[in-house]
Structure formats: C-alpha cells, structure tokens
PDB file of N, CA and C in Angstrom:
ATOM      1  N   UNK A   1     111.543 111.701 136.184  1.00  0.00           N
ATOM      2  CA  UNK A   1     110.836 111.782 134.562  1.00  0.00           C
ATOM      3  C   UNK A   1     111.141 112.823 133.943  1.00  0.00           C
ATOM      4  N   UNK A   2     111.502 113.114 132.742  1.00  0.00           N
ATOM      5  CA  UNK A   2     111.642 114.256 132.033  1.00  0.00           C
ATOM      6  C   UNK A   2     110.682 114.441 131.041  1.00  0.00           C
ATOM      7  N   UNK A   3     109.740 115.472 131.380  1.00  0.00           N
ATOM      8  CA  UNK A   3     108.239 115.746 130.292  1.00  0.00           C
ATOM      9  C   UNK A   3     108.482 116.968 129.770  1.00  0.00           C
ATOM     10  N   UNK A   4     108.029 116.931 128.767  1.00  0.00           N
ATOM     11  CA  UNK A   4     107.741 118.046 127.967  1.00  0.00           C
ATOM     12  C   UNK A   4     106.150 118.600 127.759  1.00  0.00           C
ATOM     13  N   UNK A   5     105.820 119.691 128.098  1.00  0.00           N
ATOM     14  CA  UNK A   5     104.362 120.037 127.868  1.00  0.00           C
ATOM     15  C   UNK A   5     103.937 119.957 126.382  1.00  0.00           C
ATOM     16  N   UNK A   6     104.835 120.403 125.512  1.00  0.00           N
ATOM     17  CA  UNK A   6     104.401 120.398 124.165  1.00  0.00           C
ATOM     18  C   UNK A   6     104.729 118.877 123.653  1.00  0.00           C
ATOM     19  N   UNK A   7     103.905 118.009 123.337  1.00  0.00           N
ATOM     20  CA  UNK A   7     103.743 117.024 122.489  1.00  0.00           C
ATOM     21  C   UNK A   7     102.916 116.933 121.659  1.00  0.00           C
ATOM     22  N   UNK A   8     103.078 116.098 120.525  1.00  0.00           N
ATOM     23  CA  UNK A   8     102.183 115.804 119.504  1.00  0.00           C
ATOM     24  C   UNK A   8     100.506 115.432 119.789  1.00  0.00           C
ATOM     25  N   UNK A   9     100.336 114.448 120.493  1.00  0.00           N
ATOM     26  CA  UNK A   9      99.306 113.619 120.663  1.00  0.00           C
ATOM     27  C   UNK A   9      98.428 113.944 122.366  1.00  0.00           C
ATOM     28  N   UNK A  10      99.414 114.597 122.944  1.00  0.00           N
ATOM     29  CA  UNK A  10      98.749 114.823 124.353  1.00  0.00           C
ATOM     30  C   UNK A  10      99.575 115.860 124.997  1.00  0.00           C
ATOM     31  N   UNK A  11      99.106 116.751 125.655  1.00  0.00           N
ATOM     32  CA  UNK A  11      99.627 117.958 126.345  1.00  0.00           C
ATOM     33  C   UNK A  11     100.324 117.089 127.599  1.00  0.00           C
ATOM     34  N   UNK A  12     101.636 117.908 127.872  1.00  0.00           N
ATOM     35  CA  UNK A  12     102.273 117.333 128.962  1.00  0.00           C
ATOM     36  C   UNK A  12     101.540 117.360 130.327  1.00  0.00           C
ATOM     37  N   UNK A  13     100.583 118.323 130.674  1.00  0.00           N
ATOM     38  CA  UNK A  13      99.798 118.466 131.613  1.00  0.00           C
ATOM     39  C   UNK A  13      98.853 117.298 132.061  1.00  0.00           C
ATOM     40  N   UNK A  14      98.482 116.721 130.663  1.00  0.00           N
ATOM     41  CA  UNK A  14      97.656 115.493 130.937  1.00  0.00           C
ATOM     42  C   UNK A  14      98.462 114.445 131.508  1.00  0.00           C
ATOM     43  N   UNK A  15      99.811 114.198 130.787  1.00  0.00           N
ATOM     44  CA  UNK A  15     100.500 113.147 131.201  1.00  0.00           C
ATOM     45  C   UNK A  15     100.799 113.103 132.682  1.00  0.00           C
ATOM     46  N   UNK A  16     101.557 114.319 133.185  1.00  0.00           N
ATOM     47  CA  UNK A  16     101.641 114.678 134.499  1.00  0.00           C
ATOM     48  C   UNK A  16     100.358 114.393 135.412  1.00  0.00           C
ATOM     49  N   UNK A  17      98.952 114.302 134.994  1.00  0.00           N
ATOM     50  CA  UNK A  17      97.818 114.050 135.896  1.00  0.00           C
ATOM     51  C   UNK A  17      97.677 112.813 135.848  1.00  0.00           C
ATOM     52  N   UNK A  18      97.902 111.810 134.714  1.00  0.00           N
ATOM     53  CA  UNK A  18      97.758 110.752 134.631  1.00  0.00           C
ATOM     54  C   UNK A  18      99.175 109.857 135.860  1.00  0.00           C
ATOM     55  N   UNK A  19     100.146 110.443 135.719  1.00  0.00           N
ATOM     56  CA  UNK A  19     101.383 110.124 136.493  1.00  0.00           C
ATOM     57  C   UNK A  19     100.782 110.395 138.095  1.00  0.00           C
ATOM     58  N   UNK A  20     100.475 111.520 138.343  1.00  0.00           N
ATOM     59  CA  UNK A  20     100.096 111.797 139.662  1.00  0.00           C
ATOM     60  C   UNK A  20      98.919 111.010 140.293  1.00  0.00           C
ATOM     61  N   UNK A  21      98.106 110.640 139.594  1.00  0.00           N
ATOM     62  CA  UNK A  21      96.864 110.089 139.932  1.00  0.00           C
ATOM     63  C   UNK A  21      97.435 108.463 140.123  1.00  0.00           C
ATOM     64  N   UNK A  22      98.282 107.972 139.822  1.00  0.00           N
ATOM     65  CA  UNK A  22      98.929 106.606 139.893  1.00  0.00           C
ATOM     66  C   UNK A  22      99.455 106.777 141.412  1.00  0.00           C
ATOM     67  N   UNK A  23      98.989 106.046 142.196  1.00  0.00           N
ATOM     68  CA  UNK A  23      99.595 105.658 143.515  1.00  0.00           C
ATOM     69  C   UNK A  23     101.076 105.400 143.715  1.00  0.00           C
ATOM     70  N   UNK A  24     101.792 104.346 142.403  1.00  0.00           N
ATOM     71  CA  UNK A  24     102.833 103.882 142.254  1.00  0.00           C
ATOM     72  C   UNK A  24     103.733 105.099 142.544  1.00  0.00           C
ATOM     73  N   UNK A  25     103.446 106.265 141.347  1.00  0.00           N
ATOM     74  CA  UNK A  25     104.081 107.203 140.988  1.00  0.00           C
ATOM     75  C   UNK A  25     104.105 108.479 141.746  1.00  0.00           C
ATOM     76  N   UNK A  26     103.630 108.509 143.122  1.00  0.00           N
ATOM     77  CA  UNK A  26     103.212 109.663 143.734  1.00  0.00           C
ATOM     78  C   UNK A  26     104.528 110.503 143.874  1.00  0.00           C
ATOM     79  N   UNK A  27     105.612 109.669 144.258  1.00  0.00           N
ATOM     80  CA  UNK A  27     106.731 110.416 144.536  1.00  0.00           C
ATOM     81  C   UNK A  27     107.925 110.440 143.628  1.00  0.00           C
ATOM     82  N   UNK A  28     107.500 109.869 142.201  1.00  0.00           N
ATOM     83  CA  UNK A  28     108.528 110.248 141.383  1.00  0.00           C
ATOM     84  C   UNK A  28     108.677 111.641 141.006  1.00  0.00           C
ATOM     85  N   UNK A  29     109.952 112.100 140.764  1.00  0.00           N
ATOM     86  CA  UNK A  29     110.312 113.309 140.514  1.00  0.00           C
ATOM     87  C   UNK A  29     110.066 113.430 139.373  1.00  0.00           C
ATOM     88  N   UNK A  30     109.434 114.838 138.869  1.00  0.00           N
ATOM     89  CA  UNK A  30     109.080 115.005 137.318  1.00  0.00           C
ATOM     90  C   UNK A  30     109.718 116.107 137.056  1.00  0.00           C
ATOM     91  N   UNK A  31     110.326 116.372 136.249  1.00  0.00           N
ATOM     92  CA  UNK A  31     111.279 117.427 135.758  1.00  0.00           C
ATOM     93  C   UNK A  31     110.464 118.174 134.491  1.00  0.00           C
ATOM     94  N   UNK A  32     110.021 119.262 134.217  1.00  0.00           N
ATOM     95  CA  UNK A  32     109.299 119.605 133.047  1.00  0.00           C
ATOM     96  C   UNK A  32     110.225 120.565 132.105  1.00  0.00           C
ATOM     97  N   UNK A  33     110.538 120.003 131.026  1.00  0.00           N
ATOM     98  CA  UNK A  33     111.371 120.794 130.243  1.00  0.00           C
ATOM     99  C   UNK A  33     110.299 121.276 128.956  1.00  0.00           C
ATOM    100  N   UNK A  34     110.470 122.594 128.714  1.00  0.00           N
ATOM    101  CA  UNK A  34     109.557 123.307 127.934  1.00  0.00           C
ATOM    102  C   UNK A  34     110.324 124.396 127.336  1.00  0.00           C
ATOM    103  N   UNK A  35     109.332 124.980 126.408  1.00  0.00           N
ATOM    104  CA  UNK A  35     109.714 126.199 125.497  1.00  0.00           C
ATOM    105  C   UNK A  35     108.609 127.247 126.247  1.00  0.00           C
ATOM    106  N   UNK A  36     107.807 126.818 127.336  1.00  0.00           N
ATOM    107  CA  UNK A  36     107.002 127.816 127.792  1.00  0.00           C
ATOM    108  C   UNK A  36     107.238 128.367 128.858  1.00  0.00           C
ATOM    109  N   UNK A  37     108.051 129.618 128.847  1.00  0.00           N
ATOM    110  CA  UNK A  37     108.756 130.300 129.992  1.00  0.00           C
ATOM    111  C   UNK A  37     107.752 131.111 130.762  1.00  0.00           C
ATOM    112  N   UNK A  38     106.541 131.181 130.343  1.00  0.00           N
ATOM    113  CA  UNK A  38     105.628 132.251 131.194  1.00  0.00           C
ATOM    114  C   UNK A  38     105.109 131.742 132.451  1.00  0.00           C
ATOM    115  N   UNK A  39     104.611 132.488 133.444  1.00  0.00           N
ATOM    116  CA  UNK A  39     104.288 132.161 134.788  1.00  0.00           C
ATOM    117  C   UNK A  39     103.276 131.232 134.775  1.00  0.00           C
ATOM    118  N   UNK A  40     101.983 131.441 134.203  1.00  0.00           N
ATOM    119  CA  UNK A  40     100.899 130.696 134.009  1.00  0.00           C
ATOM    120  C   UNK A  40     101.626 129.177 133.658  1.00  0.00           C
ATOM    121  N   UNK A  41     102.281 128.999 132.984  1.00  0.00           N
ATOM    122  CA  UNK A  41     102.631 127.515 132.477  1.00  0.00           C
ATOM    123  C   UNK A  41     103.390 126.982 133.545  1.00  0.00           C
ATOM    124  N   UNK A  42     104.244 127.844 134.185  1.00  0.00           N
ATOM    125  CA  UNK A  42     105.038 127.191 135.261  1.00  0.00           C
ATOM    126  C   UNK A  42     104.297 127.025 136.589  1.00  0.00           C
ATOM    127  N   UNK A  43     103.189 127.949 136.734  1.00  0.00           N
ATOM    128  CA  UNK A  43     102.388 127.668 137.831  1.00  0.00           C
ATOM    129  C   UNK A  43     101.340 126.438 137.627  1.00  0.00           C
ATOM    130  N   UNK A  44     100.717 126.407 136.518  1.00  0.00           N
ATOM    131  CA  UNK A  44     100.227 125.085 136.169  1.00  0.00           C
ATOM    132  C   UNK A  44     100.760 123.778 136.076  1.00  0.00           C
ATOM    133  N   UNK A  45     102.172 123.777 135.793  1.00  0.00           N
ATOM    134  CA  UNK A  45     102.769 122.551 135.814  1.00  0.00           C
ATOM    135  C   UNK A  45     103.252 122.053 137.367  1.00  0.00           C
ATOM    136  N   UNK A  46     103.453 123.150 138.166  1.00  0.00           N
ATOM    137  CA  UNK A  46     103.853 122.734 139.392  1.00  0.00           C
ATOM    138  C   UNK A  46     102.532 122.347 140.167  1.00  0.00           C
ATOM    139  N   UNK A  47     101.473 123.190 140.043  1.00  0.00           N
ATOM    140  CA  UNK A  47     100.271 122.768 140.668  1.00  0.00           C
ATOM    141  C   UNK A  47      99.786 121.408 140.265  1.00  0.00           C
ATOM    142  N   UNK A  48     100.179 120.834 139.145  1.00  0.00           N
ATOM    143  CA  UNK A  48      99.658 119.474 138.639  1.00  0.00           C
ATOM    144  C   UNK A  48     100.514 118.324 139.266  1.00  0.00           C
ATOM    145  N   UNK A  49     101.549 118.899 140.004  1.00  0.00           N
ATOM    146  CA  UNK A  49     102.637 117.831 140.398  1.00  0.00           C
ATOM    147  C   UNK A  49     104.009 117.930 140.173  1.00  0.00           C
ATOM    148  N   UNK A  50     104.403 118.855 138.929  1.00  0.00           N
ATOM    149  CA  UNK A  50     105.708 118.853 138.627  1.00  0.00           C
ATOM    150  C   UNK A  50     106.756 119.103 139.737  1.00  0.00           C
ATOM    151  N   UNK A  51     107.835 118.552 139.846  1.00  0.00           N
ATOM    152  CA  UNK A  51     108.909 118.751 141.113  1.00  0.00           C
ATOM    153  C   UNK A  51     109.608 119.982 140.247  1.00  0.00           C
ATOM    154  N   UNK A  52     110.089 119.908 139.260  1.00  0.00           N
ATOM    155  CA  UNK A  52     110.829 120.905 138.868  1.00  0.00           C
ATOM    156  C   UNK A  52     110.587 121.537 137.505  1.00  0.00           C
ATOM    157  N   UNK A  53     110.848 122.627 137.081  1.00  0.00           N
ATOM    158  CA  UNK A  53     110.515 123.153 135.733  1.00  0.00           C
ATOM    159  C   UNK A  53     111.682 123.979 135.442  1.00  0.00           C
ATOM    160  N   UNK A  54     112.131 123.552 133.985  1.00  0.00           N
ATOM    161  CA  UNK A  54     113.449 124.212 133.083  1.00  0.00           C
ATOM    162  C   UNK A  54     112.897 124.436 131.947  1.00  0.00           C
ATOM    163  N   UNK A  55     113.194 126.006 131.335  1.00  0.00           N
ATOM    164  CA  UNK A  55     112.849 126.376 130.147  1.00  0.00           C
ATOM    165  C   UNK A  55     113.937 126.117 128.916  1.00  0.00           C
ATOM    166  N   UNK A  56     113.488 125.645 127.751  1.00  0.00           N
ATOM    167  CA  UNK A  56     114.479 125.879 126.888  1.00  0.00           C
ATOM    168  C   UNK A  56     114.497 126.951 126.120  1.00  0.00           C
ATOM    169  N   UNK A  57     115.913 127.510 125.563  1.00  0.00           N
ATOM    170  CA  UNK A  57     117.026 126.691 125.743  1.00  0.00           C
ATOM    171  C   UNK A  57     117.701 126.476 126.892  1.00  0.00           C
ATOM    172  N   UNK A  58     118.566 125.064 127.186  1.00  0.00           N
ATOM    173  CA  UNK A  58     119.082 124.877 128.618  1.00  0.00           C
ATOM    174  C   UNK A  58     120.296 124.466 128.124  1.00  0.00           C
ATOM    175  N   UNK A  59     121.357 124.466 129.054  1.00  0.00           N
ATOM    176  CA  UNK A  59     122.589 123.917 128.618  1.00  0.00           C
ATOM    177  C   UNK A  59     122.618 122.610 129.122  1.00  0.00           C
ATOM    178  N   UNK A  60     123.530 121.793 128.760  1.00  0.00           N
ATOM    179  CA  UNK A  60     123.763 120.368 129.239  1.00  0.00           C
ATOM    180  C   UNK A  60     123.946 120.336 130.823  1.00  0.00           C
ATOM    181  N   UNK A  61     124.763 121.379 131.130  1.00  0.00           N
ATOM    182  CA  UNK A  61     125.344 121.146 132.526  1.00  0.00           C
ATOM    183  C   UNK A  61     123.709 121.766 133.512  1.00  0.00           C
ATOM    184  N   UNK A  62     123.239 122.706 132.836  1.00  0.00           N
ATOM    185  CA  UNK A  62     121.637 122.988 133.745  1.00  0.00           C
ATOM    186  C   UNK A  62     120.831 121.986 133.881  1.00  0.00           C
ATOM    187  N   UNK A  63     120.836 121.103 132.983  1.00  0.00           N
ATOM    188  CA  UNK A  63     119.877 119.869 132.831  1.00  0.00           C
ATOM    189  C   UNK A  63     120.527 118.940 134.081  1.00  0.00           C
ATOM    190  N   UNK A  64     121.902 118.881 133.725  1.00  0.00           N
ATOM    191  CA  UNK A  64     122.414 117.660 134.594  1.00  0.00           C
ATOM    192  C   UNK A  64     122.278 117.882 136.012  1.00  0.00           C
ATOM    193  N   UNK A  65     122.494 119.537 136.490  1.00  0.00           N
ATOM    194  CA  UNK A  65     122.363 119.994 137.760  1.00  0.00           C
ATOM    195  C   UNK A  65     120.846 119.880 138.545  1.00  0.00           C
ATOM    196  N   UNK A  66     119.993 120.118 137.613  1.00  0.00           N
ATOM    197  CA  UNK A  66     118.456 119.991 137.842  1.00  0.00           C
ATOM    198  C   UNK A  66     118.195 118.502 138.104  1.00  0.00           C
ATOM    199  N   UNK A  67     118.695 117.453 137.131  1.00  0.00           N
ATOM    200  CA  UNK A  67     118.277 116.054 137.459  1.00  0.00           C
ATOM    201  C   UNK A  67     119.207 115.639 138.717  1.00  0.00           C
ATOM    202  N   UNK A  68     120.283 115.845 138.575  1.00  0.00           N
ATOM    203  CA  UNK A  68     121.047 115.652 139.733  1.00  0.00           C
ATOM    204  C   UNK A  68     120.155 115.928 141.325  1.00  0.00           C
ATOM    205  N   UNK A  69     119.964 117.259 141.074  1.00  0.00           N
ATOM    206  CA  UNK A  69     119.057 117.839 142.310  1.00  0.00           C
ATOM    207  C   UNK A  69     118.071 116.821 142.698  1.00  0.00           C
ATOM    208  N   UNK A  70     117.414 116.478 141.712  1.00  0.00           N
ATOM    209  CA  UNK A  70     116.087 115.827 142.013  1.00  0.00           C
ATOM    210  C   UNK A  70     116.345 114.153 142.222  1.00  0.00           C
ATOM    211  N   UNK A  71     117.447 113.999 141.868  1.00  0.00           N
ATOM    212  CA  UNK A  71     117.671 112.517 142.334  1.00  0.00           C
ATOM    213  C   UNK A  71     118.177 112.428 143.521  1.00  0.00           C
ATOM    214  N   UNK A  72     119.062 113.444 144.174  1.00  0.00           N
ATOM    215  CA  UNK A  72     119.615 113.461 145.543  1.00  0.00           C
ATOM    216  C   UNK A  72     118.521 113.987 146.526  1.00  0.00           C
ATOM    217  N   UNK A  73     117.041 114.568 146.281  1.00  0.00           N
ATOM    218  CA  UNK A  73     116.345 114.988 146.964  1.00  0.00           C
ATOM    219  C   UNK A  73     115.589 113.753 147.619  1.00  0.00           C
ATOM    220  N   UNK A  74     115.614 114.240 149.322  1.00  0.00           N
ATOM    221  CA  UNK A  74     114.627 113.257 149.901  1.00  0.00           C
ATOM    222  C   UNK A  74     113.335 113.042 149.281  1.00  0.00           C
ATOM    223  N   UNK A  75     112.864 111.670 149.333  1.00  0.00           N
ATOM    224  CA  UNK A  75     111.541 111.599 149.282  1.00  0.00           C
ATOM    225  C   UNK A  75     110.727 111.663 150.498  1.00  0.00           C
ATOM    226  N   UNK A  76     109.617 112.465 150.041  1.00  0.00           N
ATOM    227  CA  UNK A  76     108.622 112.775 151.485  1.00  0.00           C
ATOM    228  C   UNK A  76     108.058 111.689 151.923  1.00  0.00           C
ATOM    229  N   UNK A  77     108.248 111.772 153.504  1.00  0.00           N
ATOM    230  CA  UNK A  77     107.504 110.665 153.685  1.00  0.00           C
ATOM    231  C   UNK A  77     108.529 109.363 153.895  1.00  0.00           C
ATOM    232  N   UNK A  78     109.696 109.413 153.426  1.00  0.00           N
ATOM    233  CA  UNK A  78     110.511 108.358 153.570  1.00  0.00           C
ATOM    234  C   UNK A  78     111.128 108.506 155.070  1.00  0.00           C
ATOM    235  N   UNK A  79     111.744 107.251 155.830  1.00  0.00           N
ATOM    236  CA  UNK A  79     112.433 107.596 156.799  1.00  0.00           C
ATOM    237  C   UNK A  79     113.953 107.303 156.640  1.00  0.00           C
TER     238      UNK A  79
END
C-alpha cells in the first residue's frame, strides 16, 4: 500500500491504524509518501505500522527502488 499522511477527509495515520487493526492486512507492506520530513512524523508513522517512509519530492527511481524492496522483503512469520 502506498499511503500519504496528508489526505482531505482522514489523516493517513488513521488509515494506517485501520489497516493494521485488520488481521488480513497485518503483513501488508505500507509505504508512506509524504511532504512531512520531520522526525516526529516519521516516528509516528513507523510506530503506527508503516513499513517504509519516503518524503516528497522523490524521484521515480527512488519510489521504484523502495517499492521493489518492499515487494521482495520476506514476510514475517512466513516459512
């Protein structure tokens, strides 16, 4: 999942909380893309269950590299 923290109707951390609360999506990689480059936002997102955090502006190559790394990452608890 690619998730922005700044959305019009709901904060991204709320969405992330709903995703992580659902058993089906516990292992879903979540890449946060945001303009928020402060340590507090990064820490809050990672503590809420983000798998990775990338700030805007980013290059297409950086996004591709990050997404590829998440896809290829072993799932915790998998055999």
